[in-house]
Protein backbone atom coordinates (compact mmCIF):
# COMPACT_ATOMS: atom_id res chain seq x y z
CA MET A 1 0.03 -0.06 -0.02
CA ILE A 2 2.81 2.43 0.72
CA ASP A 3 4.29 1.68 -2.72
CA ALA A 4 0.94 2.53 -4.26
CA VAL A 5 0.86 5.87 -2.44
CA ALA A 6 4.44 6.48 -3.40
CA ALA A 7 3.56 5.93 -7.06
CA ALA A 8 0.44 8.17 -6.69
CA GLY A 9 2.71 11.01 -5.77
CA GLY A 10 0.65 12.37 -2.96
CA THR A 11 -2.83 13.80 -3.56
CA GLN A 12 -2.17 16.15 -6.56
CA ASP A 13 -3.70 13.75 -9.20
CA ASP A 14 -7.13 12.26 -8.46
CA ARG A 15 -6.60 9.53 -10.98
CA ARG A 16 -3.36 8.31 -9.21
CA VAL A 17 -4.94 8.52 -5.81
CA ALA A 18 -8.06 6.76 -7.07
CA ASP A 19 -5.71 3.94 -8.32
CA ALA A 20 -4.15 3.86 -4.76
CA VAL A 21 -7.49 3.78 -3.04
CA GLY A 22 -8.67 1.15 -5.51
CA ARG A 23 -5.99 -1.26 -4.29
CA LEU A 24 -7.72 -1.23 -0.87
CA ASP A 25 -10.33 -3.88 0.06
CA LEU A 26 -13.00 -1.70 1.64
CA SER A 27 -15.63 -4.43 1.72
CA GLY A 28 -17.29 -4.53 5.13
CA LEU A 29 -17.78 -0.79 5.49
CA ALA A 30 -20.98 -0.43 3.63
CA ASP A 31 -24.59 -0.72 4.94
CA GLY A 32 -25.05 2.05 7.32
CA PHE A 33 -21.25 2.68 8.10
CA THR A 34 -20.90 6.29 9.21
CA TRP A 35 -18.08 8.55 7.97
CA ALA A 36 -17.31 11.61 9.82
CA ILE A 37 -14.59 14.40 10.18
CA GLY A 38 -13.40 15.56 13.56
CA VAL A 39 -12.34 19.16 14.02
CA THR A 40 -10.62 20.93 16.77
CA ALA A 41 -12.44 24.20 16.36
CA ASP A 42 -14.31 25.60 19.32
CA PRO A 43 -17.89 26.30 18.27
CA THR A 44 -18.47 28.81 21.02
CA ALA A 45 -15.50 31.02 19.83
CA ARG A 46 -16.18 34.38 18.31
CA ARG A 47 -15.84 34.25 14.56
CA ALA A 48 -15.71 37.06 12.01
CA PRO A 49 -17.32 40.35 13.36
CA GLY A 50 -20.96 41.05 12.46
CA ARG A 51 -23.51 38.37 11.32
CA ALA A 52 -25.23 39.21 8.04
CA GLY A 53 -27.22 36.10 8.21
CA ARG A 54 -26.23 32.58 7.19
CA ALA A 55 -25.97 33.33 3.54
CA GLY A 56 -23.51 36.25 4.17
CA ARG A 57 -21.47 34.15 6.46
CA ARG A 58 -21.25 31.42 3.91
CA ALA A 59 -20.28 33.90 1.30
CA ALA A 60 -17.64 35.40 3.53
CA GLY A 61 -16.04 32.07 3.93
CA GLY A 62 -15.94 31.94 7.66
CA GLY A 63 -17.33 29.71 10.50
CA ALA A 64 -19.63 26.94 9.52
CA ALA A 65 -18.76 27.47 5.70
CA ASP A 66 -15.16 26.49 6.38
CA GLU A 67 -16.22 23.26 8.07
CA VAL A 68 -18.78 22.35 5.49
CA ALA A 69 -16.12 22.79 2.82
CA LEU A 70 -13.92 20.36 4.68
CA LEU A 71 -16.71 17.78 4.78
CA GLY A 72 -17.63 18.35 1.18
CA ARG A 73 -14.15 17.74 0.09
CA ALA A 74 -14.08 14.39 2.14
CA GLY A 75 -17.50 13.43 0.88
CA VAL A 76 -18.92 13.05 4.39
CA ASP A 77 -21.71 14.80 6.20
CA VAL A 78 -21.01 14.40 9.84
CA LEU A 79 -19.00 16.91 11.76
CA ALA A 80 -17.51 15.74 15.38
CA PHE A 81 -16.39 18.66 17.46
CA PRO A 82 -15.52 19.49 21.04
CA VAL A 83 -17.47 21.84 23.19
CA PRO A 84 -14.75 23.18 25.52
CA TRP A 85 -16.06 23.17 29.09
CA ALA A 86 -13.96 26.41 30.02
CA SER A 87 -15.84 28.30 27.32
CA VAL A 88 -19.35 27.15 28.54
CA LEU A 89 -18.70 27.42 32.28
CA PRO A 90 -15.53 29.62 32.73
CA ASP A 91 -16.33 29.40 36.62
CA PRO A 92 -18.22 26.31 37.42
CA ALA A 93 -19.59 28.08 40.69
CA ASP A 94 -21.38 30.53 38.42
CA ALA A 95 -23.98 30.38 35.66
CA ALA A 96 -23.01 29.48 32.01
CA ASP A 97 -21.75 32.16 29.76
CA PRO A 98 -24.70 33.21 27.83
CA ASP A 99 -22.63 34.60 24.89
CA ALA A 100 -20.70 31.30 24.49
CA LEU A 101 -24.17 29.46 24.60
CA ALA A 102 -25.56 31.81 22.00
CA ARG A 103 -22.53 31.14 19.72
CA LEU A 104 -22.91 27.41 20.21
CA ASP A 105 -26.47 27.53 19.36
CA ARG A 106 -25.88 29.45 16.15
CA ARG A 107 -23.18 27.28 15.02
CA VAL A 108 -25.35 24.13 15.31
CA ASP A 109 -28.19 25.92 13.52
CA ASP A 110 -25.78 26.86 10.71
CA LEU A 111 -24.44 23.37 10.45
CA LEU A 112 -27.84 21.89 10.22
CA ALA A 113 -29.06 24.53 7.84
CA LEU A 114 -26.23 23.32 5.55
CA GLY A 115 -27.19 19.62 5.99
CA VAL A 116 -24.50 18.76 8.33
CA THR A 117 -25.06 16.32 11.21
CA PRO A 118 -23.30 17.62 14.40
CA TRP A 119 -21.67 15.20 16.95
CA PRO A 120 -20.55 17.19 20.13
CA THR A 121 -17.99 15.92 22.55
CA LEU A 122 -18.44 17.60 25.95
CA HIS A 123 -14.80 17.14 27.12
CA ALA A 124 -11.87 16.23 24.90
CA ASP A 125 -8.83 18.07 26.11
CA ASP A 126 -7.65 19.03 29.60
CA ALA A 127 -6.50 22.37 28.33
CA ALA A 128 -10.33 23.15 28.06
CA LEU A 129 -10.94 22.60 31.71
CA PRO A 130 -12.20 25.63 33.57
CA VAL A 131 -9.28 27.61 35.37
CA PRO A 132 -10.69 27.09 38.88
CA LEU A 133 -10.78 23.37 38.33
CA ARG A 134 -7.28 23.25 36.90
CA ASP A 135 -5.99 25.21 39.81
CA ALA A 136 -7.64 22.72 42.26
CA GLY A 137 -6.06 19.74 40.87
CA GLY A 138 -7.93 18.97 37.50
CA TRP A 139 -8.91 15.40 37.23
CA ALA A 140 -7.08 14.39 40.44
CA SER A 141 -9.73 15.98 42.34
CA ARG A 142 -13.36 14.27 42.56
CA GLU A 143 -14.74 17.72 42.41
CA THR A 144 -13.98 18.01 38.85
CA ALA A 145 -16.14 14.99 38.05
CA LEU A 146 -19.00 16.30 40.10
CA ARG A 147 -18.77 19.60 38.26
CA PHE A 148 -18.78 17.98 34.85
CA VAL A 149 -22.50 17.15 35.31
CA ASP A 150 -23.52 20.73 35.19
CA HIS A 151 -21.60 21.32 31.77
CA ALA A 152 -23.11 18.15 30.26
CA ALA A 153 -26.73 18.99 31.28
CA THR A 154 -26.45 22.67 30.22
CA VAL A 155 -25.16 21.89 26.67
CA HIS A 156 -27.47 18.93 26.31
CA ALA A 157 -30.49 21.07 27.30
CA LEU A 158 -29.48 23.84 24.86
CA LEU A 159 -29.21 21.41 21.84
CA ALA A 160 -31.46 18.67 22.66
CA ASP A 161 -34.04 19.50 20.13
CA ARG A 162 -31.56 19.29 17.26
CA VAL A 163 -28.66 17.10 18.38
CA VAL A 164 -29.27 13.45 18.84
CA THR A 165 -25.71 11.85 19.12
CA TRP A 166 -23.60 12.71 22.04
CA THR A 167 -20.12 11.88 23.44
CA THR A 168 -19.59 12.62 27.01
CA LEU A 169 -15.81 12.82 27.05
CA VAL A 170 -12.40 11.28 25.89
CA VAL A 171 -10.56 9.17 28.35
CA PRO A 172 -6.84 9.52 27.45
CA ASP A 173 -4.42 6.85 27.10
CA GLY A 174 -2.77 5.87 30.35
CA PRO A 175 -4.13 8.53 32.87
CA ALA A 176 -3.15 8.28 36.62
CA ALA A 177 -5.33 5.97 38.50
CA ASP A 178 -7.01 8.66 40.45
CA HIS A 179 -7.65 10.69 37.21
CA GLU A 180 -9.10 7.76 35.51
CA ALA A 181 -11.45 7.03 38.43
CA ASN A 182 -12.71 10.63 38.29
CA LEU A 183 -12.96 10.60 34.46
CA LEU A 184 -15.07 7.46 34.73
CA LEU A 185 -17.19 9.04 37.37
CA ALA A 186 -17.66 12.17 35.28
CA HIS A 187 -18.68 10.15 32.31
CA GLY A 188 -21.22 8.11 34.37
CA LEU A 189 -22.77 11.05 36.02
CA GLY A 190 -22.75 13.29 32.87
CA HIS A 191 -24.33 10.37 30.84
CA ALA A 192 -27.11 9.81 33.41
CA ALA A 193 -27.93 13.53 33.61
CA MET A 194 -28.17 13.80 29.92
CA ARG A 195 -30.22 10.65 29.41
CA ALA A 196 -32.58 11.66 32.19
CA GLN A 197 -33.73 14.60 30.20
CA ALA A 198 -33.24 13.27 26.70
CA PRO A 199 -35.90 12.15 24.14
CA ALA A 200 -35.98 8.49 23.33
CA ASP A 201 -34.05 8.82 20.02
CA HIS A 202 -30.90 10.28 21.67
CA ARG A 203 -27.75 8.04 21.58
CA PHE A 204 -24.82 8.44 23.95
CA GLY A 205 -21.32 7.25 23.98
CA VAL A 206 -17.86 7.76 25.40
CA THR A 207 -14.42 7.69 23.73
CA VAL A 208 -11.43 5.87 25.10
CA ALA A 209 -7.78 6.22 23.78
CA LEU A 210 -6.20 2.76 23.33
CA SER A 211 -2.83 1.75 22.26
CA GLY A 212 -2.89 -1.94 22.02
CA GLY A 213 -1.41 -2.52 25.50
CA PRO A 214 -2.34 -5.12 28.09
CA ASP A 215 -4.43 -2.67 30.15
CA ASP A 216 -6.96 -1.90 27.24
CA GLU A 217 -9.49 -4.57 28.09
CA ARG A 218 -9.65 -3.61 31.77
CA ARG A 219 -10.10 0.20 30.80
CA VAL A 220 -12.95 -0.78 28.39
CA GLY A 221 -14.68 -2.96 31.04
CA ALA A 222 -14.55 -0.20 33.55
CA LEU A 223 -16.50 2.09 31.13
CA LEU A 224 -18.92 -0.66 30.32
CA ALA A 225 -19.62 -1.33 33.92
CA GLY A 226 -21.50 1.97 34.41
CA PRO A 227 -25.19 2.00 35.19
CA GLU A 228 -26.28 3.51 31.92
CA PRO A 229 -25.97 1.57 28.77
CA LEU A 230 -23.81 2.90 25.99
CA ASP A 231 -25.12 3.15 22.56
CA ARG A 232 -21.69 3.16 20.97
CA LEU A 233 -17.98 2.97 22.30
CA GLY A 234 -15.64 5.36 20.70
CA VAL A 235 -12.03 3.98 20.28
CA HIS A 236 -9.44 6.52 19.77
CA TYR A 237 -6.60 4.32 18.27
CA ALA A 238 -3.24 5.65 19.64
CA GLY A 239 -1.19 2.57 18.57
CA ALA A 240 1.98 3.17 16.63
CA ALA A 241 1.19 0.78 13.91
CA PRO A 242 -2.19 0.88 12.08
CA ARG A 243 -2.11 -2.90 11.49
CA GLY A 244 -2.64 -3.40 15.24
CA LEU A 245 -6.11 -1.93 15.10
CA PRO A 246 -7.99 -5.10 13.92
CA GLU A 247 -6.39 -7.35 16.59
CA LEU A 248 -7.17 -4.63 19.39
CA LEU A 249 -10.85 -4.53 18.36
CA ALA A 250 -11.14 -8.29 18.12
CA ARG A 251 -9.71 -8.62 21.63
CA ILE A 252 -12.01 -6.11 23.27
CA ARG A 253 -15.06 -8.03 21.47
CA ARG A 254 -13.83 -11.29 22.76
CA GLU A 255 -13.47 -10.00 26.24
CA HIS A 256 -16.70 -7.79 26.19
CA PRO A 257 -19.07 -9.62 23.66
CA ALA A 258 -21.97 -7.34 24.78
CA ALA A 259 -20.07 -3.99 24.09
CA PRO A 260 -21.86 -1.61 21.90
CA PRO A 261 -20.70 -0.98 18.32
CA PHE A 262 -17.32 0.71 17.94
CA LEU A 263 -16.72 4.25 16.49
CA VAL A 264 -13.19 4.42 15.55
CA THR A 265 -11.13 7.62 15.54
CA THR A 266 -7.63 8.17 14.59
CA VAL A 267 -5.44 11.16 13.65
CA ALA A 268 -4.32 9.37 10.57
CA GLY A 269 -3.03 11.69 7.89
CA ALA A 270 -3.57 14.67 10.00
CA HIS A 271 0.06 15.13 11.43
CA GLU A 272 1.38 18.56 10.66
CA ASP A 273 4.99 17.53 11.07
CA ALA A 274 4.72 14.96 8.24
CA ASP A 275 4.99 15.55 4.59
CA ASP A 276 2.04 14.98 2.30
CA LEU A 277 3.21 11.69 1.16
CA ASP A 278 3.69 10.27 4.58
CA ARG A 279 0.26 11.62 5.76
CA VAL A 280 -1.50 10.15 2.74
CA ALA A 281 0.16 6.77 3.28
CA ASP A 282 -0.75 6.95 6.93
CA LEU A 283 -4.40 7.41 6.25
CA LEU A 284 -4.45 4.64 3.66
CA GLU A 285 -2.90 2.25 6.34
CA HIS A 286 -5.57 3.23 8.83
CA LEU A 287 -8.35 2.65 6.23
CA ASP A 288 -7.03 -0.75 5.34
CA ALA A 289 -6.88 -1.62 8.99
CA LEU A 290 -10.42 -0.47 9.60
CA ALA A 291 -11.72 -2.45 6.70
CA VAL A 292 -9.99 -5.60 7.95
CA ALA A 293 -11.57 -5.15 11.42
CA ALA A 294 -15.01 -4.63 9.92
CA ARG A 295 -14.72 -7.79 7.75
CA ALA A 296 -13.65 -9.61 10.90
CA GLY A 297 -17.11 -8.91 12.38
CA VAL A 298 -15.99 -7.01 15.47
CA GLY A 299 -18.89 -4.39 15.20
CA VAL A 300 -17.20 -1.30 13.63
CA ARG A 301 -20.08 0.96 12.72
CA GLY A 302 -18.14 4.44 12.02
CA TYR A 303 -14.96 6.24 11.44
CA VAL A 304 -14.05 9.74 12.37
CA ALA A 305 -10.91 11.04 10.59
CA GLY A 306 -9.07 13.63 12.49
CA PRO A 307 -9.43 15.79 14.40
CA VAL A 308 -7.90 18.26 12.16
CA ASP A 309 -7.80 22.00 11.95
CA VAL A 310 -10.13 23.58 9.41
CA PRO A 311 -7.59 23.97 6.49
CA VAL A 312 -6.91 27.18 4.55
CA PRO A 313 -8.03 27.04 0.93
CA ASP A 314 -4.50 26.95 -0.48
CA ARG A 315 -3.28 24.24 2.04
CA PRO A 316 -6.00 21.63 2.44
CA TRP A 317 -5.43 18.29 4.45
CA PRO A 318 -4.07 16.20 1.72
CA GLY A 319 -5.93 13.25 3.25
CA LEU A 320 -9.33 14.77 2.17
CA ASP A 321 -8.87 13.44 -1.39
CA VAL A 322 -8.15 9.88 -0.19
CA LEU A 323 -10.98 9.89 2.31
CA ARG A 324 -13.38 11.20 -0.36
CA LEU A 325 -12.55 8.35 -2.79
CA ALA A 326 -12.70 5.68 0.06
CA VAL A 327 -16.14 7.01 0.90
CA ALA A 328 -17.28 6.92 -2.58
CA ALA A 329 -16.04 3.32 -2.96
CA VAL A 330 -18.34 2.04 -0.43
CA ARG A 331 -21.10 4.56 -0.58
CA PRO A 332 -21.79 5.54 -4.22
CA VAL A 333 -23.44 8.78 -4.77
């Protein structure tokens, strides 16, 4: 596969990229398989000054338009994004920031108006913890887990009439024992709070970073042991070799046969310090591993490529061409 990418010369020639993608066996990824792009953008952040309506914002090339262009280039219609806790509740002892909530509300409306399905994650990066909680010890403190419930319930209540797919948080690879315990507690309490106020069609999940190590099955088991059943389990694959992904998922399925369907996320092809050829080859290897896992029957139901920064027009993420062709191969339009 690497040879095929090398022959393709990156993503500058669609025909050559199509030839490289054509060498992949992507069988097993059809029939309801969900493709998504993950972005790092904060949907509560201030965008271009002024707001001359959605059409004006799209014409100006800012905000939702940039994200939709990214999705269009990739051939997918689902956007996964974080909702930074510190933006919504800068001080967890006070009320939520009304301006941040208004911007989040508008961003979701803009995406939906453009036919994009939003998938929010309520905590993905410790840098987004409210400063008072960071200063008090972060995830080493049980108070952080208890405060997470307010963030989850607030954002869910705001968007519950339009957003149906939710991720509580991302459990990073190898946290300290007390951090992991409090992350699990936060997930469980936040999940329960959202489900208690959710319509019946809402779906909830959590994402855990796994590297293929011996502790992976235990960490997954701890998440599955919560009182609220998960509708999906996000697996952020942090292993060094993409070929290890199918065996990792197979091990988890053997150990936990009742686990919900997997939603795999990777940063394949999105590394800024790699050249275009390396990044394209990396994405192709991850797609190949994903398809192998799907054919093995482990229950892979979706893939999120990224997260990536929304690219500038003259420097798009080179993996977009590969991802677009891969999606087209299994989901003809």
